[in-house]
Protein backbone atom coordinates (compact mmCIF):
# COMPACT_ATOMS: atom_id res chain seq x y z
CA MET A 1 60.77 -12.74 91.60
CA ASN A 2 62.31 -13.88 94.87
CA ASP A 3 61.11 -16.95 96.72
CA GLN A 4 59.01 -15.03 99.26
CA GLN A 5 57.14 -13.21 96.50
CA ILE A 6 56.47 -16.50 94.71
CA LEU A 7 55.25 -18.11 97.94
CA SER A 8 52.81 -15.23 98.43
CA VAL A 9 51.50 -15.56 94.86
CA ILE A 10 51.05 -19.33 95.32
CA LYS A 11 49.08 -18.84 98.55
CA ASP A 12 46.81 -16.25 96.93
CA TYR A 13 46.30 -18.52 93.92
CA ILE A 14 45.28 -21.50 96.04
CA GLN A 15 42.89 -19.43 98.15
CA ASN A 16 41.32 -17.70 95.13
CA ARG A 17 39.21 -20.41 93.56
CA GLY A 18 37.83 -17.96 91.07
CA ILE A 19 40.97 -18.76 89.05
CA ASN A 20 40.22 -21.86 86.98
CA GLN A 21 43.61 -22.24 85.32
CA ALA A 22 47.00 -23.54 86.46
CA LEU A 23 49.96 -21.59 87.81
CA MET A 24 53.41 -22.18 86.28
CA ILE A 25 56.86 -21.85 87.83
CA ASN A 26 59.53 -21.55 85.14
CA GLY A 27 63.30 -21.77 85.64
CA GLU A 28 66.52 -23.28 84.36
CA TRP A 29 67.65 -26.81 85.22
CA GLY A 30 69.43 -27.00 88.53
CA CYS A 31 68.09 -23.69 89.88
CA GLY A 32 66.20 -25.42 92.71
CA LYS A 33 62.62 -25.47 91.41
CA SER A 34 61.94 -29.05 92.51
CA TYR A 35 63.46 -28.49 95.93
CA PHE A 36 61.42 -25.32 96.28
CA VAL A 37 58.03 -26.90 95.53
CA LYS A 38 58.74 -30.06 97.53
CA ASN A 39 60.02 -28.27 100.61
CA SER A 40 59.63 -24.50 100.81
CA VAL A 41 56.15 -24.29 99.29
CA LYS A 42 54.80 -27.19 101.30
CA GLU A 43 56.18 -25.83 104.57
CA TYR A 44 54.89 -22.32 103.81
CA LEU A 45 51.39 -23.61 103.10
CA ARG A 46 51.47 -25.76 106.22
CA LYS A 47 52.46 -22.81 108.42
CA ASN A 48 49.64 -20.74 106.92
CA GLY A 49 47.07 -23.42 107.73
CA ILE A 50 46.26 -24.18 104.09
CA LEU A 51 47.22 -27.85 104.44
CA ASP A 52 45.02 -28.38 107.52
CA ASN A 53 42.34 -29.78 105.22
CA LYS A 54 44.24 -30.21 101.95
CA ASN A 55 46.61 -32.84 100.54
CA TYR A 56 49.70 -31.39 98.85
CA ILE A 57 50.81 -33.87 96.20
CA VAL A 58 53.83 -33.56 93.90
CA PHE A 59 54.12 -35.61 90.70
CA SER A 60 57.16 -35.85 88.46
CA LEU A 61 56.25 -36.15 84.79
CA TYR A 62 59.75 -37.31 83.87
CA GLY A 63 59.44 -39.94 81.12
CA ILE A 64 55.62 -40.08 81.19
CA ASN A 65 54.57 -41.15 77.70
CA ASN A 66 51.21 -42.83 78.20
CA LEU A 67 48.16 -41.02 79.53
CA VAL A 68 46.40 -44.18 80.72
CA ASP A 69 49.43 -45.32 82.75
CA PHE A 70 49.87 -41.83 84.13
CA LYS A 71 46.26 -41.67 85.31
CA THR A 72 46.76 -44.98 87.12
CA SER A 73 49.84 -43.72 89.00
CA PHE A 74 48.10 -40.38 89.54
CA TYR A 75 45.17 -41.93 91.41
CA ASP A 76 47.49 -44.40 93.18
CA LYS A 77 49.46 -41.53 94.69
CA ILE A 78 46.35 -39.64 95.76
CA PHE A 79 44.94 -42.81 97.32
CA ILE A 80 48.14 -43.38 99.30
CA ASN A 81 48.29 -39.76 100.43
CA GLN A 82 44.67 -39.53 101.54
CA TYR A 83 44.18 -42.94 103.11
CA LEU A 84 47.62 -44.12 104.15
CA GLY A 85 49.79 -40.99 104.57
CA GLU A 86 53.18 -40.25 103.04
CA SER A 87 55.58 -42.40 105.09
CA ASN A 88 57.62 -45.39 103.91
CA LYS A 89 55.33 -47.58 106.00
CA ALA A 90 52.40 -46.17 104.04
CA GLN A 91 54.06 -47.21 100.77
CA LYS A 92 54.56 -50.74 102.08
CA THR A 93 50.92 -50.83 103.22
CA LYS A 94 49.88 -49.63 99.77
CA ASN A 95 51.81 -52.48 98.12
CA ILE A 96 50.05 -55.02 100.35
CA CYS A 97 46.66 -53.46 99.61
CA GLU A 98 47.46 -53.51 95.90
CA ARG A 99 48.19 -57.24 96.00
CA LEU A 100 45.00 -57.90 97.92
CA PHE A 101 43.04 -55.69 95.53
CA ASN A 102 44.38 -57.56 92.52
CA SER A 103 44.02 -60.98 94.10
CA VAL A 104 40.23 -60.68 94.37
CA SER A 105 39.80 -59.62 90.76
CA SER A 106 38.17 -62.89 89.69
CA THR A 107 37.35 -64.82 92.86
CA ILE A 108 33.67 -63.98 93.23
CA ASP A 109 31.61 -66.61 91.44
CA THR A 110 27.83 -66.38 91.90
CA SER A 111 27.03 -69.73 90.26
CA ALA A 112 26.45 -71.22 93.73
CA ILE A 113 23.29 -69.15 94.07
CA GLY A 114 22.02 -70.04 90.64
CA VAL A 115 23.39 -67.05 88.75
CA PRO A 116 26.43 -68.20 86.75
CA VAL A 117 28.28 -64.90 86.68
CA LYS A 118 31.84 -64.09 87.76
CA ILE A 119 32.33 -60.59 89.12
CA ASN A 120 35.68 -58.86 88.67
CA LEU A 121 36.00 -56.51 91.63
CA ALA A 122 39.00 -54.71 90.15
CA GLU A 123 36.77 -53.63 87.26
CA LEU A 124 34.00 -52.48 89.61
CA ILE A 125 36.16 -50.60 92.12
CA HIS A 126 38.39 -47.79 90.87
CA LYS A 127 40.67 -45.67 93.01
CA SER A 128 39.38 -42.66 91.08
CA ASP A 129 36.02 -43.29 92.77
CA LEU A 130 37.61 -43.43 96.23
CA VAL A 131 39.82 -40.33 96.24
CA GLN A 132 38.70 -36.77 96.95
CA LEU A 133 40.25 -34.57 94.28
CA GLU A 134 38.73 -31.39 95.71
CA LYS A 135 40.86 -31.83 98.82
CA CYS A 136 44.09 -31.76 96.80
CA ILE A 137 46.67 -29.25 95.67
CA PHE A 138 48.62 -30.74 92.77
CA VAL A 139 52.15 -29.95 91.63
CA PHE A 140 53.28 -31.34 88.27
CA ASP A 141 57.07 -31.15 88.04
CA ASP A 142 59.41 -31.80 85.08
CA ILE A 143 56.95 -30.62 82.43
CA GLU A 144 59.79 -30.34 79.90
CA ARG A 145 60.63 -34.03 80.41
CA CYS A 146 57.06 -35.22 79.83
CA GLU A 147 56.57 -37.15 76.59
CA LEU A 148 52.80 -36.70 76.35
CA SER A 149 51.55 -34.42 73.61
CA ALA A 150 50.79 -30.85 74.59
CA THR A 151 47.10 -31.53 74.00
CA GLU A 152 47.09 -34.57 76.29
CA LEU A 153 49.07 -32.89 79.06
CA TRP A 154 47.28 -29.56 79.19
CA GLY A 155 43.94 -31.20 78.50
CA PHE A 156 44.36 -33.37 81.59
CA ILE A 157 45.45 -30.40 83.72
CA ASN A 158 42.62 -28.26 82.39
CA LYS A 159 40.06 -30.84 83.48
CA LEU A 160 41.35 -30.50 87.03
CA THR A 161 41.47 -26.71 87.11
CA GLU A 162 38.54 -25.63 84.95
CA ASN A 163 36.12 -28.52 85.46
CA ARG A 164 36.86 -29.29 89.11
CA GLY A 165 38.25 -26.00 90.43
CA ILE A 166 41.39 -27.70 91.78
CA PRO A 167 44.61 -25.66 92.21
CA VAL A 168 47.44 -26.98 90.04
CA ILE A 169 51.04 -25.75 90.03
CA THR A 170 53.18 -26.74 87.05
CA VAL A 171 56.99 -26.62 87.14
CA ALA A 172 59.05 -26.40 83.96
CA ASN A 173 62.15 -25.27 82.13
CA GLU A 174 60.35 -23.67 79.20
CA ASN A 175 63.56 -23.00 77.31
CA LYS A 176 63.98 -26.76 76.87
CA ILE A 177 60.34 -27.16 75.81
CA LEU A 178 60.61 -24.41 73.22
CA GLU A 179 63.82 -25.95 71.85
CA LYS A 180 61.89 -29.15 71.15
CA ASP A 181 58.78 -27.31 69.95
CA SER A 182 60.54 -24.68 67.84
CA GLU A 183 58.89 -25.75 64.58
CA ASN A 184 55.30 -25.36 65.77
CA ASP A 185 53.37 -23.38 68.33
CA ASN A 186 51.21 -26.20 69.69
CA TYR A 187 52.75 -26.04 73.16
CA GLN A 188 52.20 -22.30 73.45
CA THR A 189 48.63 -22.58 72.17
CA GLU A 190 47.67 -25.33 74.62
CA LYS A 191 49.52 -23.71 77.51
CA GLU A 192 47.76 -20.38 76.94
CA LYS A 193 44.42 -22.10 77.51
CA ALA A 194 45.50 -23.87 80.68
CA VAL A 195 47.91 -21.47 82.47
CA TYR A 196 46.91 -18.05 83.76
CA CYS A 197 50.30 -16.92 85.08
CA THR A 198 53.97 -17.92 84.70
CA LEU A 199 56.40 -17.04 87.48
CA ALA A 200 60.11 -16.73 86.66
CA PHE A 201 62.06 -18.64 89.29
CA SER A 202 65.63 -18.22 90.45
CA TYR A 203 66.93 -19.44 93.77
CA GLU A 204 70.02 -18.34 95.63
CA ILE A 205 71.69 -21.54 96.78
CA ALA A 206 73.38 -19.58 99.54
CA ASN A 207 69.93 -19.23 101.11
CA ILE A 208 69.51 -22.98 101.54
CA PHE A 209 73.14 -23.97 102.16
CA ASP A 210 72.66 -24.18 105.93
CA GLU A 211 69.40 -26.08 105.56
CA LEU A 212 70.97 -28.74 103.33
CA VAL A 213 74.01 -29.13 105.58
CA ASN A 214 71.87 -29.47 108.70
CA GLU A 215 70.13 -32.50 107.19
CA TYR A 216 73.25 -34.54 107.96
CA GLU A 217 73.55 -36.25 111.33
CA GLU A 218 77.14 -35.65 112.46
CA LYS A 219 77.39 -32.39 114.40
CA ASP A 220 81.17 -32.06 113.99
CA ILE A 221 80.97 -32.46 110.23
CA ARG A 222 78.05 -30.03 109.97
CA GLU A 223 79.88 -27.36 111.93
CA TYR A 224 83.08 -27.84 109.95
CA ILE A 225 81.30 -27.54 106.58
CA LEU A 226 79.32 -24.49 107.73
CA SER A 227 82.57 -22.82 108.78
CA ASN A 228 83.80 -23.28 105.17
CA LYS A 229 80.57 -22.16 103.52
CA GLU A 230 82.18 -19.20 101.73
CA ILE A 231 84.92 -21.34 100.14
CA ILE A 232 82.44 -23.94 98.89
CA LEU A 233 79.94 -21.45 97.44
CA GLU A 234 82.66 -19.34 95.82
CA GLU A 235 83.93 -22.34 93.87
CA ILE A 236 80.41 -23.40 92.83
CA PHE A 237 79.57 -19.87 91.66
CA ARG A 238 82.79 -19.76 89.66
CA ARG A 239 82.06 -22.94 87.73
CA GLN A 240 78.30 -23.62 87.89
CA PRO A 241 76.56 -20.51 89.22
CA ASN A 242 73.60 -21.13 91.51
CA ASN A 243 73.13 -24.79 90.62
CA ILE A 244 71.43 -26.61 93.47
CA ARG A 245 72.13 -30.07 92.03
CA THR A 246 75.84 -29.31 92.06
CA LEU A 247 75.62 -28.06 95.64
CA LYS A 248 73.82 -31.23 96.75
CA PHE A 249 76.38 -33.41 95.00
CA VAL A 250 79.32 -31.53 96.51
CA LEU A 251 77.82 -31.75 100.01
CA ALA A 252 77.08 -35.48 99.67
CA VAL A 253 80.62 -36.26 98.51
CA LEU A 254 82.10 -33.96 101.13
CA VAL A 255 80.15 -35.47 104.03
CA ASN A 256 80.82 -39.07 102.97
CA LEU A 257 84.57 -38.54 102.54
CA LEU A 258 84.99 -36.44 105.68
CA ARG A 259 83.12 -39.11 107.62
CA GLU A 260 85.45 -41.83 106.34
CA ILE A 261 88.58 -39.74 106.86
CA TYR A 262 87.49 -38.86 110.39
CA ASN A 263 86.86 -42.53 111.21
CA LEU A 264 90.27 -43.53 109.84
CA GLU A 265 92.33 -40.70 111.27
CA ASN A 266 90.35 -40.21 114.49
CA LYS A 267 91.46 -36.57 114.54
CA SER A 268 89.15 -33.70 115.46
CA PHE A 269 88.33 -31.02 112.87
CA LEU A 270 89.33 -28.25 115.24
CA GLU A 271 92.71 -29.60 116.32
CA HIS A 272 93.71 -30.76 112.84
CA SER A 273 92.03 -28.07 110.73
CA GLU A 274 95.03 -27.71 108.39
CA LEU A 275 94.79 -31.38 107.38
CA TYR A 276 91.03 -31.30 106.87
CA ASP A 277 91.23 -27.99 104.99
CA ARG A 278 93.50 -29.67 102.44
CA PHE A 279 90.97 -32.46 101.99
CA LEU A 280 88.01 -30.08 101.81
CA LYS A 281 89.47 -27.82 99.12
CA TYR A 282 90.36 -30.73 96.89
CA ILE A 283 87.04 -32.54 97.42
CA VAL A 284 85.11 -29.39 96.51
CA LEU A 285 87.24 -28.69 93.46
CA ARG A 286 87.06 -32.21 92.04
CA ALA A 287 83.37 -32.75 92.85
CA ILE A 288 82.43 -29.59 90.95
CA GLN A 289 84.76 -30.47 88.07
CA TYR A 290 83.09 -33.87 87.87
CA LYS A 291 79.64 -32.26 87.53
CA VAL A 292 80.88 -29.84 84.88
CA ASP A 293 82.97 -32.36 82.92
CA PRO A 294 83.21 -35.98 84.17
CA LYS A 295 86.03 -36.60 81.68
CA GLU A 296 88.35 -34.06 83.29
CA GLU A 297 90.99 -36.23 84.91
CA ILE A 298 94.34 -35.83 86.64
CA ASP A 299 97.21 -38.08 85.63
CA TRP A 300 98.47 -39.39 88.97
CA ARG A 301 100.77 -41.98 87.41
CA LYS A 302 102.39 -43.70 90.38
CA GLU A 303 101.71 -40.92 92.87
CA ASN A 304 98.93 -40.98 95.49
CA PHE A 305 98.99 -37.26 96.28
CA GLY A 306 100.68 -34.06 95.18
CA PHE A 307 100.29 -30.39 94.30
CA ILE A 308 97.75 -29.29 91.67
CA SER A 309 96.28 -25.97 90.52
CA TRP A 310 93.21 -24.81 92.47
CA VAL A 311 91.95 -22.81 89.50
CA ASP A 312 92.61 -22.73 85.77
CA ASP A 313 94.97 -19.76 86.00
CA PRO A 314 98.76 -20.10 85.85
CA ASP A 315 100.36 -22.04 88.66
CA THR A 316 100.89 -19.13 91.02
CA PRO A 317 101.62 -20.08 94.66
CA GLU A 318 98.18 -19.00 95.90
CA ASN A 319 96.50 -21.30 93.35
CA ILE A 320 98.40 -24.45 94.29
CA ILE A 321 96.67 -26.93 96.60
CA TRP A 322 97.16 -30.49 97.73
CA GLY A 323 95.48 -33.17 95.61
CA PHE A 324 94.71 -36.78 96.56
CA LYS A 325 94.28 -39.77 94.28
CA PHE A 326 91.83 -41.59 96.60
CA ILE A 327 89.43 -38.63 96.39
CA ASP A 328 89.41 -38.82 92.59
CA ILE A 329 88.73 -42.55 92.74
CA TYR A 330 85.81 -42.03 95.13
CA ILE A 331 84.22 -39.21 93.12
CA ASN A 332 84.44 -41.21 89.89
CA SER A 333 83.38 -44.60 91.25
CA SER A 334 81.98 -44.16 94.81
CA TYR A 335 84.71 -46.59 95.85
CA LEU A 336 86.99 -45.62 98.71
CA ASP A 337 90.47 -47.09 98.31
């Protein structure tokens, strides 16, 4: 299914509260699932008015191995979202409120009025009593990285969907789950009870290339990268097809290095395009190689720059490009020499 079809299914699912099970989005690592649910889905629901009276909350289950601790962070995040908003200031306010909340846990002593009892407010007041679950749309990401048992995980989700009628979207790479669960069918059994539909997800990174580039501030750098979109995507597709994590990494390295080079050289991208094109091709090549195999190195010996092969084919003239030692150092260590 393409992204527009999936967005339509998600909207129908949320609006149809006769469905008391979760919806699953399944796709390979790096295909853009997390970006999709955090950005595209949220924006689509907002434009369609669904978030006018709903809180859209995304949780990563990466490394979650304790249900009690998870429930605490679960209600914390809902509390922040509903009462404080989603900004960084809201998180700071939450931390202050948390300290105040904890500080009063044993300060009320009624012995002064003849009743020798100490009241622990933290035990009397629970965030679960303060939040409004029915006003939420939940997204649980990184299912395959969750360390809870299948019974714990799907049991918790099922309580939200079946018992409370709350829409829940789960995001997973099921191939990884089934690799771990190959010797028993517990995952499949529990999932079948909790999930009514699984959507196969694949995302064309070319569709979000411009969006990712336009997140950066410098107009000159944005325009220069966009003008080289085809070169960048062609190299990514050749080595790691359609991997959004690789694209993000390449763009981050590219922007940071171009920014530094521009500041040092003080030469415009337009007037000195040949120079910048040399840098760009090598940055893209080495950034992708680093994601594929961090151990793949070039022996510079005493040289700081020189010719290298653009691809793995024989050293034909069209495959030879300029390479730069300082770019390798930066990609491997984030240090600019």
